[in-house]
Amino acid sequence: MSFSLWLAFVAAAVVIAITPGPGSVLVLATGLRYRYTFVARALLGLEVALLVHLGIIALGLGALLATSSTAFLVMKIIGAAYLVWLGIQKWRATVEPVDTDQVRVATNGKLFRQGLLVNLTNPKAVIFIAALVPQFINASAPQLPQYLIIGATMVGVDVVIMTAYALLAGRFRNWFQNTRMLRLQNRIFGGMFVSAGAFLATSSR
């Protein structure tokens, strides 16, 4: 991959990362509630799922999801149902002191699983990557090094953008430390997750 082609891919990856979606909603919600060391757990889940998507594309399975209406529908229903469930859980979440909540999250890997499943169950992400990545792959050159470069670039860019989202949300964390504001936050982000699930359920390729 030439340097100019790589720069073009970086620009495309930035656009993908900045575009609002379930992953950015999760990062913002987590950044308002916890310090960055805990946000990083959700972020790790998001990036692992991103690499899984890229692996699916590299194996050629992304084309199946892009062309099979049944595969897309099944994946879409699973993803939408998870987002709606996550929204309901967020809406109904008990307002607790942050320290207590952080201890529980740290011990059960909840944030990592949320990040993993939010990205993993989004079929539109796979199809979008499937449409983008092949344009930057030289079919006549060894493909593994190219996919490694693309994977490292996508993850690096996404981590930077999502970290910026998390740090920005963290600046407002002190505004959400009383019971009333914590409950309001749960309602807002719960509604956003449900809306994202409804949007995914009604969307097409």
N, C-alpha and C. Protein backbone atom coordinates (compact mmCIF):
# COMPACT_ATOMS: atom_id res chain seq x y z
N MET A 1 0.85 -1.20 0.00
CA MET A 1 0.00 0.00 0.00
C MET A 1 0.88 1.24 0.00
N SER A 2 0.66 2.11 -1.00
CA SER A 2 1.45 3.34 -1.09
C SER A 2 1.04 4.30 0.03
N PHE A 3 1.93 5.26 0.29
CA PHE A 3 1.66 6.23 1.35
C PHE A 3 0.45 7.08 1.02
N SER A 4 0.30 7.48 -0.23
CA SER A 4 -0.84 8.31 -0.63
C SER A 4 -2.15 7.54 -0.49
N LEU A 5 -2.12 6.25 -0.83
CA LEU A 5 -3.32 5.43 -0.69
C LEU A 5 -3.66 5.24 0.78
N TRP A 6 -2.63 5.08 1.60
CA TRP A 6 -2.85 4.94 3.04
C TRP A 6 -3.47 6.20 3.62
N LEU A 7 -2.99 7.37 3.19
CA LEU A 7 -3.56 8.63 3.68
C LEU A 7 -5.04 8.74 3.29
N ALA A 8 -5.36 8.28 2.09
CA ALA A 8 -6.76 8.29 1.67
C ALA A 8 -7.60 7.38 2.57
N PHE A 9 -7.02 6.24 2.95
CA PHE A 9 -7.75 5.34 3.84
C PHE A 9 -7.90 5.95 5.23
N VAL A 10 -6.87 6.64 5.70
CA VAL A 10 -6.97 7.32 7.00
C VAL A 10 -8.13 8.31 6.98
N ALA A 11 -8.24 9.07 5.90
CA ALA A 11 -9.34 10.04 5.79
C ALA A 11 -10.69 9.33 5.83
N ALA A 12 -10.80 8.21 5.12
CA ALA A 12 -12.05 7.45 5.12
C ALA A 12 -12.34 6.90 6.52
N ALA A 13 -11.29 6.41 7.20
CA ALA A 13 -11.47 5.86 8.55
C ALA A 13 -11.91 6.93 9.53
N VAL A 14 -11.42 8.15 9.36
CA VAL A 14 -11.83 9.27 10.23
C VAL A 14 -13.32 9.56 10.06
N VAL A 15 -13.76 9.58 8.81
CA VAL A 15 -15.18 9.83 8.53
C VAL A 15 -16.05 8.75 9.18
N ILE A 16 -15.61 7.48 9.05
CA ILE A 16 -16.36 6.37 9.66
C ILE A 16 -16.44 6.53 11.17
N ALA A 17 -15.30 6.85 11.79
CA ALA A 17 -15.24 6.94 13.25
C ALA A 17 -16.07 8.11 13.79
N ILE A 18 -16.05 9.24 13.06
CA ILE A 18 -16.76 10.43 13.53
C ILE A 18 -18.27 10.28 13.37
N THR A 19 -18.69 9.53 12.35
CA THR A 19 -20.12 9.37 12.09
C THR A 19 -20.83 8.79 13.32
N PRO A 20 -21.86 9.46 13.84
CA PRO A 20 -22.56 8.96 15.03
C PRO A 20 -23.15 7.57 14.80
N GLY A 21 -23.07 6.76 15.82
CA GLY A 21 -23.62 5.41 15.75
C GLY A 21 -23.71 4.82 17.15
N PRO A 22 -24.15 3.57 17.27
CA PRO A 22 -24.28 2.94 18.59
C PRO A 22 -22.98 2.95 19.39
N GLY A 23 -21.83 2.78 18.71
CA GLY A 23 -20.56 2.77 19.42
C GLY A 23 -20.26 4.10 20.08
N SER A 24 -20.48 5.19 19.37
CA SER A 24 -20.22 6.51 19.95
C SER A 24 -21.20 6.83 21.06
N VAL A 25 -22.45 6.36 20.93
CA VAL A 25 -23.43 6.55 22.01
C VAL A 25 -22.97 5.83 23.27
N LEU A 26 -22.46 4.61 23.10
CA LEU A 26 -21.97 3.85 24.26
C LEU A 26 -20.80 4.55 24.92
N VAL A 27 -19.87 5.06 24.11
CA VAL A 27 -18.69 5.74 24.65
C VAL A 27 -19.09 7.02 25.39
N LEU A 28 -19.99 7.79 24.82
CA LEU A 28 -20.45 9.02 25.48
C LEU A 28 -21.15 8.71 26.80
N ALA A 29 -22.03 7.72 26.78
CA ALA A 29 -22.76 7.35 28.00
C ALA A 29 -21.79 6.87 29.08
N THR A 30 -20.81 6.08 28.68
CA THR A 30 -19.84 5.55 29.63
C THR A 30 -18.92 6.65 30.14
N GLY A 31 -18.52 7.57 29.24
CA GLY A 31 -17.65 8.68 29.64
C GLY A 31 -18.30 9.61 30.63
N LEU A 32 -19.63 9.77 30.53
CA LEU A 32 -20.35 10.61 31.49
C LEU A 32 -20.45 9.96 32.86
N ARG A 33 -20.34 8.65 32.88
CA ARG A 33 -20.54 7.91 34.14
C ARG A 33 -19.24 7.52 34.82
N TYR A 34 -18.21 7.15 34.04
CA TYR A 34 -16.98 6.63 34.61
C TYR A 34 -15.75 7.37 34.11
N ARG A 35 -14.65 7.22 34.81
CA ARG A 35 -13.39 7.77 34.34
C ARG A 35 -12.87 6.92 33.18
N TYR A 36 -11.85 7.45 32.49
CA TYR A 36 -11.44 6.85 31.21
C TYR A 36 -10.94 5.42 31.33
N THR A 37 -10.33 5.06 32.46
CA THR A 37 -9.84 3.68 32.60
C THR A 37 -10.97 2.67 32.47
N PHE A 38 -12.19 3.07 32.81
CA PHE A 38 -13.33 2.19 32.65
C PHE A 38 -13.92 2.30 31.25
N VAL A 39 -13.89 3.51 30.69
CA VAL A 39 -14.34 3.68 29.31
C VAL A 39 -13.50 2.80 28.38
N ALA A 40 -12.21 2.67 28.70
CA ALA A 40 -11.30 1.88 27.85
C ALA A 40 -11.75 0.44 27.74
N ARG A 41 -12.47 -0.07 28.73
CA ARG A 41 -12.98 -1.45 28.66
C ARG A 41 -14.03 -1.57 27.55
N ALA A 42 -14.94 -0.61 27.49
CA ALA A 42 -15.94 -0.61 26.42
C ALA A 42 -15.26 -0.39 25.08
N LEU A 43 -14.27 0.48 25.05
CA LEU A 43 -13.56 0.78 23.82
C LEU A 43 -12.82 -0.45 23.31
N LEU A 44 -12.25 -1.23 24.22
CA LEU A 44 -11.57 -2.46 23.82
C LEU A 44 -12.55 -3.42 23.15
N GLY A 45 -13.74 -3.53 23.71
CA GLY A 45 -14.76 -4.38 23.10
C GLY A 45 -15.14 -3.91 21.71
N LEU A 46 -15.29 -2.59 21.54
CA LEU A 46 -15.61 -2.03 20.22
C LEU A 46 -14.54 -2.37 19.20
N GLU A 47 -13.27 -2.24 19.61
CA GLU A 47 -12.17 -2.47 18.65
C GLU A 47 -11.99 -3.95 18.33
N VAL A 48 -12.21 -4.82 19.29
CA VAL A 48 -12.14 -6.26 19.01
C VAL A 48 -13.20 -6.63 17.98
N ALA A 49 -14.41 -6.07 18.16
CA ALA A 49 -15.49 -6.33 17.20
C ALA A 49 -15.13 -5.78 15.82
N LEU A 50 -14.48 -4.64 15.79
CA LEU A 50 -14.06 -4.04 14.52
C LEU A 50 -13.08 -4.95 13.78
N LEU A 51 -12.15 -5.53 14.53
CA LEU A 51 -11.19 -6.46 13.92
C LEU A 51 -11.88 -7.74 13.45
N VAL A 52 -12.88 -8.18 14.20
CA VAL A 52 -13.66 -9.36 13.76
C VAL A 52 -14.35 -9.05 12.44
N HIS A 53 -14.94 -7.86 12.33
CA HIS A 53 -15.57 -7.45 11.07
C HIS A 53 -14.57 -7.48 9.93
N LEU A 54 -13.38 -6.95 10.18
CA LEU A 54 -12.36 -6.92 9.13
C LEU A 54 -11.94 -8.33 8.75
N GLY A 55 -11.85 -9.22 9.75
CA GLY A 55 -11.52 -10.62 9.47
C GLY A 55 -12.58 -11.28 8.62
N ILE A 56 -13.84 -10.94 8.88
CA ILE A 56 -14.95 -11.47 8.08
C ILE A 56 -14.81 -11.03 6.63
N ILE A 57 -14.45 -9.77 6.44
CA ILE A 57 -14.26 -9.23 5.09
C ILE A 57 -13.09 -9.93 4.40
N ALA A 58 -12.00 -10.11 5.14
CA ALA A 58 -10.80 -10.75 4.57
C ALA A 58 -11.10 -12.18 4.13
N LEU A 59 -11.96 -12.86 4.86
CA LEU A 59 -12.32 -14.24 4.51
C LEU A 59 -13.38 -14.32 3.42
N GLY A 60 -13.90 -13.18 3.02
CA GLY A 60 -14.90 -13.15 1.96
C GLY A 60 -16.32 -13.36 2.43
N LEU A 61 -16.52 -13.46 3.76
CA LEU A 61 -17.87 -13.71 4.27
C LEU A 61 -18.73 -12.45 4.25
N GLY A 62 -18.07 -11.30 4.16
CA GLY A 62 -18.83 -10.05 4.11
C GLY A 62 -19.72 -9.99 2.88
N ALA A 63 -19.25 -10.61 1.79
CA ALA A 63 -20.04 -10.62 0.56
C ALA A 63 -21.34 -11.38 0.77
N LEU A 64 -21.29 -12.44 1.59
CA LEU A 64 -22.50 -13.22 1.88
C LEU A 64 -23.53 -12.35 2.59
N LEU A 65 -23.07 -11.59 3.58
CA LEU A 65 -23.97 -10.73 4.33
C LEU A 65 -24.53 -9.62 3.43
N ALA A 66 -23.70 -9.17 2.49
CA ALA A 66 -24.13 -8.09 1.61
C ALA A 66 -25.13 -8.56 0.56
N THR A 67 -25.06 -9.83 0.17
CA THR A 67 -25.91 -10.33 -0.91
C THR A 67 -27.08 -11.18 -0.43
N SER A 68 -26.97 -11.76 0.75
CA SER A 68 -28.03 -12.63 1.26
C SER A 68 -29.02 -11.83 2.10
N SER A 69 -30.24 -11.72 1.63
CA SER A 69 -31.26 -10.99 2.38
C SER A 69 -31.57 -11.66 3.71
N THR A 70 -31.54 -12.99 3.72
CA THR A 70 -31.84 -13.73 4.94
C THR A 70 -30.77 -13.50 6.00
N ALA A 71 -29.49 -13.60 5.59
CA ALA A 71 -28.38 -13.39 6.53
C ALA A 71 -28.42 -11.97 7.09
N PHE A 72 -28.67 -11.01 6.20
CA PHE A 72 -28.72 -9.62 6.66
C PHE A 72 -29.88 -9.40 7.62
N LEU A 73 -31.05 -9.98 7.31
CA LEU A 73 -32.23 -9.81 8.16
C LEU A 73 -32.01 -10.40 9.55
N VAL A 74 -31.44 -11.60 9.60
CA VAL A 74 -31.18 -12.25 10.89
C VAL A 74 -30.23 -11.42 11.73
N MET A 75 -29.13 -10.97 11.09
CA MET A 75 -28.14 -10.17 11.80
C MET A 75 -28.74 -8.84 12.25
N LYS A 76 -29.57 -8.26 11.40
CA LYS A 76 -30.20 -6.98 11.72
C LYS A 76 -31.13 -7.10 12.91
N ILE A 77 -31.92 -8.17 12.94
CA ILE A 77 -32.85 -8.38 14.05
C ILE A 77 -32.09 -8.59 15.36
N ILE A 78 -31.02 -9.37 15.30
CA ILE A 78 -30.21 -9.60 16.51
C ILE A 78 -29.62 -8.29 17.01
N GLY A 79 -29.04 -7.52 16.09
CA GLY A 79 -28.43 -6.24 16.48
C GLY A 79 -29.44 -5.26 17.03
N ALA A 80 -30.59 -5.15 16.36
CA ALA A 80 -31.63 -4.22 16.81
C ALA A 80 -32.16 -4.63 18.18
N ALA A 81 -32.39 -5.93 18.37
CA ALA A 81 -32.92 -6.43 19.65
C ALA A 81 -31.93 -6.14 20.78
N TYR A 82 -30.63 -6.30 20.50
CA TYR A 82 -29.64 -6.04 21.55
C TYR A 82 -29.62 -4.56 21.92
N LEU A 83 -29.68 -3.68 20.92
CA LEU A 83 -29.66 -2.25 21.21
C LEU A 83 -30.89 -1.83 22.00
N VAL A 84 -32.05 -2.37 21.64
CA VAL A 84 -33.27 -2.04 22.38
C VAL A 84 -33.17 -2.57 23.81
N TRP A 85 -32.69 -3.79 23.95
CA TRP A 85 -32.51 -4.36 25.30
C TRP A 85 -31.55 -3.50 26.12
N LEU A 86 -30.44 -3.07 25.49
CA LEU A 86 -29.46 -2.24 26.19
C LEU A 86 -30.10 -0.92 26.61
N GLY A 87 -30.93 -0.36 25.72
CA GLY A 87 -31.61 0.89 26.05
C GLY A 87 -32.57 0.75 27.20
N ILE A 88 -33.31 -0.36 27.22
CA ILE A 88 -34.24 -0.59 28.33
C ILE A 88 -33.50 -0.76 29.64
N GLN A 89 -32.38 -1.51 29.59
CA GLN A 89 -31.57 -1.68 30.80
C GLN A 89 -31.02 -0.35 31.30
N LYS A 90 -30.58 0.49 30.36
CA LYS A 90 -30.06 1.80 30.74
C LYS A 90 -31.16 2.66 31.33
N TRP A 91 -32.34 2.64 30.71
CA TRP A 91 -33.48 3.43 31.18
C TRP A 91 -33.89 3.04 32.59
N ARG A 92 -33.87 1.73 32.85
CA ARG A 92 -34.34 1.23 34.14
C ARG A 92 -33.23 1.09 35.17
N ALA A 93 -32.00 1.44 34.81
CA ALA A 93 -30.87 1.23 35.71
C ALA A 93 -31.06 1.98 37.03
N THR A 94 -30.71 1.30 38.10
CA THR A 94 -30.78 1.92 39.42
C THR A 94 -29.68 2.97 39.55
N VAL A 95 -30.04 4.12 40.06
CA VAL A 95 -29.06 5.19 40.26
C VAL A 95 -28.25 4.86 41.50
N GLU A 96 -26.93 4.62 41.30
CA GLU A 96 -26.07 4.21 42.39
C GLU A 96 -24.87 5.14 42.50
N PRO A 97 -24.23 5.20 43.65
CA PRO A 97 -22.97 5.93 43.75
C PRO A 97 -21.95 5.37 42.77
N VAL A 98 -21.16 6.23 42.17
CA VAL A 98 -20.23 5.79 41.13
C VAL A 98 -19.26 4.74 41.63
N ASP A 99 -18.73 4.91 42.82
CA ASP A 99 -17.74 3.96 43.32
C ASP A 99 -18.29 2.55 43.38
N THR A 100 -19.52 2.40 43.85
CA THR A 100 -20.14 1.08 43.94
C THR A 100 -20.31 0.47 42.56
N ASP A 101 -20.77 1.29 41.62
CA ASP A 101 -21.00 0.81 40.26
C ASP A 101 -19.69 0.41 39.60
N GLN A 102 -18.64 1.19 39.82
CA GLN A 102 -17.35 0.91 39.20
C GLN A 102 -16.78 -0.42 39.68
N VAL A 103 -16.94 -0.71 40.95
CA VAL A 103 -16.43 -1.98 41.47
C VAL A 103 -17.12 -3.15 40.79
N ARG A 104 -18.44 -3.05 40.63
CA ARG A 104 -19.18 -4.13 39.99
C ARG A 104 -18.76 -4.30 38.53
N VAL A 105 -18.65 -3.17 37.81
CA VAL A 105 -18.26 -3.23 36.41
C VAL A 105 -16.87 -3.81 36.25
N ALA A 106 -15.96 -3.43 37.14
CA ALA A 106 -14.58 -3.90 37.05
C ALA A 106 -14.48 -5.40 37.22
N THR A 107 -15.40 -5.99 37.98
CA THR A 107 -15.29 -7.41 38.26
C THR A 107 -16.04 -8.30 37.29
N ASN A 108 -16.99 -7.75 36.53
CA ASN A 108 -17.76 -8.65 35.68
C ASN A 108 -17.58 -8.41 34.18
N GLY A 109 -16.74 -7.48 33.79
CA GLY A 109 -16.45 -7.26 32.38
C GLY A 109 -17.64 -6.74 31.59
N LYS A 110 -18.59 -6.12 32.27
CA LYS A 110 -19.83 -5.68 31.62
C LYS A 110 -19.56 -4.71 30.48
N LEU A 111 -18.69 -3.74 30.69
CA LEU A 111 -18.46 -2.73 29.66
C LEU A 111 -17.79 -3.32 28.43
N PHE A 112 -16.85 -4.25 28.63
CA PHE A 112 -16.20 -4.88 27.48
C PHE A 112 -17.23 -5.63 26.65
N ARG A 113 -18.10 -6.39 27.29
CA ARG A 113 -19.12 -7.15 26.57
C ARG A 113 -20.08 -6.24 25.83
N GLN A 114 -20.44 -5.12 26.47
CA GLN A 114 -21.33 -4.18 25.80
C GLN A 114 -20.67 -3.64 24.53
N GLY A 115 -19.41 -3.21 24.64
CA GLY A 115 -18.71 -2.69 23.47
C GLY A 115 -18.59 -3.73 22.38
N LEU A 116 -18.26 -4.95 22.76
CA LEU A 116 -18.12 -6.04 21.79
C LEU A 116 -19.42 -6.30 21.06
N LEU A 117 -20.51 -6.43 21.80
CA LEU A 117 -21.79 -6.80 21.19
C LEU A 117 -22.41 -5.65 20.40
N VAL A 118 -22.22 -4.41 20.86
CA VAL A 118 -22.77 -3.26 20.13
C VAL A 118 -22.22 -3.22 18.71
N ASN A 119 -20.92 -3.42 18.55
CA ASN A 119 -20.33 -3.40 17.21
C ASN A 119 -20.52 -4.73 16.47
N LEU A 120 -20.42 -5.82 17.21
CA LEU A 120 -20.45 -7.13 16.57
C LEU A 120 -21.79 -7.44 15.93
N THR A 121 -22.86 -6.94 16.51
CA THR A 121 -24.21 -7.27 16.02
C THR A 121 -24.75 -6.22 15.05
N ASN A 122 -23.88 -5.38 14.53
CA ASN A 122 -24.31 -4.35 13.59
C ASN A 122 -23.95 -4.77 12.17
N PRO A 123 -24.91 -5.33 11.42
CA PRO A 123 -24.59 -5.81 10.07
C PRO A 123 -24.22 -4.70 9.10
N LYS A 124 -24.75 -3.50 9.34
CA LYS A 124 -24.45 -2.38 8.44
C LYS A 124 -22.97 -2.01 8.53
N ALA A 125 -22.35 -2.23 9.69
CA ALA A 125 -20.92 -1.95 9.83
C ALA A 125 -20.12 -2.89 8.95
N VAL A 126 -20.49 -4.17 8.94
CA VAL A 126 -19.79 -5.15 8.11
C VAL A 126 -19.92 -4.78 6.63
N ILE A 127 -21.14 -4.45 6.21
CA ILE A 127 -21.37 -4.14 4.81
C ILE A 127 -20.64 -2.86 4.41
N PHE A 128 -20.61 -1.88 5.31
CA PHE A 128 -19.91 -0.64 5.01
C PHE A 128 -18.41 -0.89 4.84
N ILE A 129 -17.85 -1.68 5.74
CA ILE A 129 -16.42 -2.01 5.64
C ILE A 129 -16.17 -2.85 4.39
N ALA A 130 -17.10 -3.75 4.08
CA ALA A 130 -16.95 -4.60 2.90
C ALA A 130 -16.94 -3.77 1.62
N ALA A 131 -17.69 -2.66 1.62
CA ALA A 131 -17.72 -1.80 0.45
C ALA A 131 -16.48 -0.91 0.36
N LEU A 132 -15.92 -0.57 1.52
CA LEU A 132 -14.79 0.36 1.56
C LEU A 132 -13.43 -0.30 1.38
N VAL A 133 -13.17 -1.33 2.19
CA VAL A 133 -11.82 -1.90 2.28
C VAL A 133 -11.28 -2.43 0.95
N PRO A 134 -12.06 -3.19 0.15
CA PRO A 134 -11.49 -3.72 -1.10
C PRO A 134 -10.94 -2.66 -2.04
N GLN A 135 -11.42 -1.43 -1.94
CA GLN A 135 -10.93 -0.36 -2.79
C GLN A 135 -9.49 0.01 -2.47
N PHE A 136 -9.02 -0.39 -1.29
CA PHE A 136 -7.67 -0.05 -0.88
C PHE A 136 -6.74 -1.27 -0.88
N ILE A 137 -7.24 -2.39 -1.38
CA ILE A 137 -6.45 -3.62 -1.43
C ILE A 137 -5.93 -3.85 -2.84
N ASN A 138 -4.64 -4.07 -2.94
CA ASN A 138 -4.03 -4.43 -4.22
C ASN A 138 -4.08 -5.94 -4.37
N ALA A 139 -4.95 -6.41 -5.28
CA ALA A 139 -5.17 -7.85 -5.42
C ALA A 139 -3.93 -8.59 -5.91
N SER A 140 -3.01 -7.90 -6.57
CA SER A 140 -1.82 -8.56 -7.11
C SER A 140 -0.66 -8.62 -6.11
N ALA A 141 -0.84 -7.98 -4.96
CA ALA A 141 0.20 -7.97 -3.93
C ALA A 141 -0.25 -8.85 -2.76
N PRO A 142 0.70 -9.30 -1.90
CA PRO A 142 0.31 -10.09 -0.72
C PRO A 142 -0.74 -9.34 0.10
N GLN A 143 -1.83 -10.03 0.42
CA GLN A 143 -2.94 -9.33 1.06
C GLN A 143 -2.86 -9.25 2.58
N LEU A 144 -2.22 -10.22 3.22
CA LEU A 144 -2.13 -10.20 4.68
C LEU A 144 -1.50 -8.92 5.20
N PRO A 145 -0.32 -8.50 4.67
CA PRO A 145 0.26 -7.24 5.17
C PRO A 145 -0.68 -6.05 4.96
N GLN A 146 -1.41 -6.06 3.85
CA GLN A 146 -2.33 -4.95 3.58
C GLN A 146 -3.47 -4.93 4.60
N TYR A 147 -4.01 -6.10 4.90
CA TYR A 147 -5.09 -6.16 5.89
C TYR A 147 -4.60 -5.79 7.29
N LEU A 148 -3.36 -6.15 7.59
CA LEU A 148 -2.79 -5.77 8.89
C LEU A 148 -2.66 -4.26 9.01
N ILE A 149 -2.20 -3.62 7.92
CA ILE A 149 -2.08 -2.16 7.92
C ILE A 149 -3.45 -1.51 8.05
N ILE A 150 -4.42 -2.03 7.30
CA ILE A 150 -5.77 -1.48 7.35
C ILE A 150 -6.38 -1.67 8.74
N GLY A 151 -6.19 -2.86 9.32
CA GLY A 151 -6.73 -3.12 10.65
C GLY A 151 -6.12 -2.20 11.69
N ALA A 152 -4.80 -2.05 11.66
CA ALA A 152 -4.12 -1.17 12.62
C ALA A 152 -4.57 0.28 12.45
N THR A 153 -4.76 0.69 11.19
CA THR A 153 -5.19 2.06 10.92
C THR A 153 -6.61 2.30 11.41
N MET A 154 -7.52 1.38 11.11
CA MET A 154 -8.91 1.53 11.54
C MET A 154 -9.02 1.59 13.05
N VAL A 155 -8.32 0.69 13.72
CA VAL A 155 -8.37 0.66 15.19
C VAL A 155 -7.74 1.92 15.76
N GLY A 156 -6.58 2.31 15.23
CA GLY A 156 -5.91 3.50 15.74
C GLY A 156 -6.76 4.75 15.60
N VAL A 157 -7.33 4.94 14.43
CA VAL A 157 -8.18 6.11 14.21
C VAL A 157 -9.41 6.07 15.11
N ASP A 158 -10.04 4.91 15.21
CA ASP A 158 -11.26 4.78 16.02
C ASP A 158 -10.96 5.04 17.50
N VAL A 159 -9.83 4.55 17.98
CA VAL A 159 -9.46 4.77 19.38
C VAL A 159 -9.26 6.26 19.65
N VAL A 160 -8.60 6.95 18.74
CA VAL A 160 -8.36 8.38 18.92
C VAL A 160 -9.68 9.15 18.95
N ILE A 161 -10.57 8.87 17.99
CA ILE A 161 -11.85 9.59 17.92
C ILE A 161 -12.72 9.27 19.13
N MET A 162 -12.82 7.99 19.47
CA MET A 162 -13.66 7.60 20.60
C MET A 162 -13.09 8.10 21.93
N THR A 163 -11.78 8.15 22.03
CA THR A 163 -11.15 8.72 23.23
C THR A 163 -11.51 10.19 23.35
N ALA A 164 -11.51 10.90 22.23
CA ALA A 164 -11.90 12.32 22.25
C ALA A 164 -13.34 12.46 22.73
N TYR A 165 -14.22 11.59 22.22
CA TYR A 165 -15.62 11.61 22.68
C TYR A 165 -15.69 11.37 24.20
N ALA A 166 -14.94 10.37 24.66
CA ALA A 166 -14.99 10.00 26.08
C ALA A 166 -14.46 11.12 26.96
N LEU A 167 -13.35 11.74 26.55
CA LEU A 167 -12.76 12.82 27.35
C LEU A 167 -13.67 14.04 27.35
N LEU A 168 -14.31 14.31 26.21
CA LEU A 168 -15.27 15.42 26.16
C LEU A 168 -16.43 15.16 27.11
N ALA A 169 -16.96 13.93 27.09
CA ALA A 169 -18.04 13.59 28.00
C ALA A 169 -17.58 13.69 29.45
N GLY A 170 -16.33 13.30 29.70
CA GLY A 170 -15.79 13.33 31.06
C GLY A 170 -15.74 14.72 31.65
N ARG A 171 -15.64 15.73 30.79
CA ARG A 171 -15.60 17.11 31.29
C ARG A 171 -16.93 17.53 31.92
N PHE A 172 -17.98 16.80 31.57
CA PHE A 172 -19.31 17.11 32.11
C PHE A 172 -19.74 16.11 33.17
N ARG A 173 -18.80 15.22 33.57
CA ARG A 173 -19.18 14.15 34.50
C ARG A 173 -19.68 14.70 35.82
N ASN A 174 -19.08 15.76 36.31
CA ASN A 174 -19.48 16.30 37.61
C ASN A 174 -20.90 16.84 37.60
N TRP A 175 -21.41 17.14 36.40
CA TRP A 175 -22.79 17.62 36.32
C TRP A 175 -23.78 16.49 36.55
N PHE A 176 -23.32 15.26 36.49
CA PHE A 176 -24.21 14.11 36.55
C PHE A 176 -23.94 13.24 37.78
N GLN A 177 -23.64 13.89 38.90
CA GLN A 177 -23.32 13.12 40.09
C GLN A 177 -24.43 13.12 41.13
N ASN A 178 -25.49 13.87 40.89
CA ASN A 178 -26.61 13.78 41.82
C ASN A 178 -27.68 12.85 41.24
N THR A 179 -28.56 12.39 42.09
CA THR A 179 -29.53 11.37 41.69
C THR A 179 -30.40 11.82 40.53
N ARG A 180 -30.85 13.05 40.56
CA ARG A 180 -31.74 13.54 39.51
C ARG A 180 -31.05 13.55 38.15
N MET A 181 -29.81 14.02 38.09
CA MET A 181 -29.10 14.10 36.82
C MET A 181 -28.67 12.73 36.32
N LEU A 182 -28.33 11.83 37.25
CA LEU A 182 -27.99 10.47 36.85
C LEU A 182 -29.20 9.77 36.23
N ARG A 183 -30.35 9.99 36.82
CA ARG A 183 -31.57 9.39 36.27
C ARG A 183 -31.88 9.98 34.89
N LEU A 184 -31.67 11.29 34.74
CA LEU A 184 -31.88 11.94 33.45
C LEU A 184 -30.94 11.38 32.40
N GLN A 185 -29.67 11.17 32.79
CA GLN A 185 -28.71 10.59 31.87
C GLN A 185 -29.14 9.21 31.42
N ASN A 186 -29.61 8.39 32.37
CA ASN A 186 -30.08 7.05 32.03
C ASN A 186 -31.24 7.11 31.03
N ARG A 187 -32.15 8.06 31.23
CA ARG A 187 -33.29 8.18 30.34
C ARG A 187 -32.84 8.61 28.93
N ILE A 188 -31.94 9.59 28.87
CA ILE A 188 -31.50 10.11 27.57
C ILE A 188 -30.80 9.03 26.77
N PHE A 189 -29.81 8.37 27.38
CA PHE A 189 -29.04 7.39 26.63
C PHE A 189 -29.83 6.09 26.43
N GLY A 190 -30.70 5.78 27.37
CA GLY A 190 -31.59 4.64 27.14
C GLY A 190 -32.46 4.87 25.91
N GLY A 191 -33.00 6.08 25.80
CA GLY A 191 -33.80 6.42 24.63
C GLY A 191 -32.98 6.41 23.35
N MET A 192 -31.72 6.83 23.42
CA MET A 192 -30.86 6.84 22.24
C MET A 192 -30.56 5.42 21.77
N PHE A 193 -30.32 4.51 22.71
CA PHE A 193 -30.08 3.11 22.32
C PHE A 193 -31.33 2.48 21.70
N VAL A 194 -32.48 2.74 22.29
CA VAL A 194 -33.73 2.20 21.73
C VAL A 194 -33.96 2.78 20.34
N SER A 195 -33.71 4.07 20.18
CA SER A 195 -33.89 4.71 18.87
C SER A 195 -32.93 4.11 17.84
N ALA A 196 -31.68 3.86 18.26
CA ALA A 196 -30.71 3.25 17.35
C ALA A 196 -31.15 1.85 16.95
N GLY A 197 -31.71 1.11 17.90
CA GLY A 197 -32.22 -0.23 17.59
C GLY A 197 -33.39 -0.18 16.63
N ALA A 198 -34.28 0.78 16.85
CA ALA A 198 -35.44 0.92 15.96
C ALA A 198 -35.00 1.33 14.56
N PHE A 199 -34.01 2.22 14.49
CA PHE A 199 -33.49 2.65 13.18
C PHE A 199 -32.86 1.47 12.43
N LEU A 200 -32.08 0.66 13.18
CA LEU A 200 -31.45 -0.50 12.55
C LEU A 200 -32.51 -1.49 12.08
N ALA A 201 -33.54 -1.71 12.89
CA ALA A 201 -34.58 -2.67 12.54
C ALA A 201 -35.34 -2.29 11.29
N THR A 202 -35.48 -0.99 11.06
CA THR A 202 -36.28 -0.52 9.91
C THR A 202 -35.41 -0.15 8.72
N SER A 203 -34.08 -0.29 8.85
CA SER A 203 -33.19 0.12 7.77
C SER A 203 -33.00 -1.01 6.76
N SER A 204 -32.51 -0.65 5.62
CA SER A 204 -32.18 -1.62 4.58
C SER A 204 -30.71 -1.45 4.23
N ARG A 205 -30.20 -2.37 3.40
CA ARG A 205 -28.80 -2.26 3.01
C ARG A 205 -28.56 -1.08 2.09
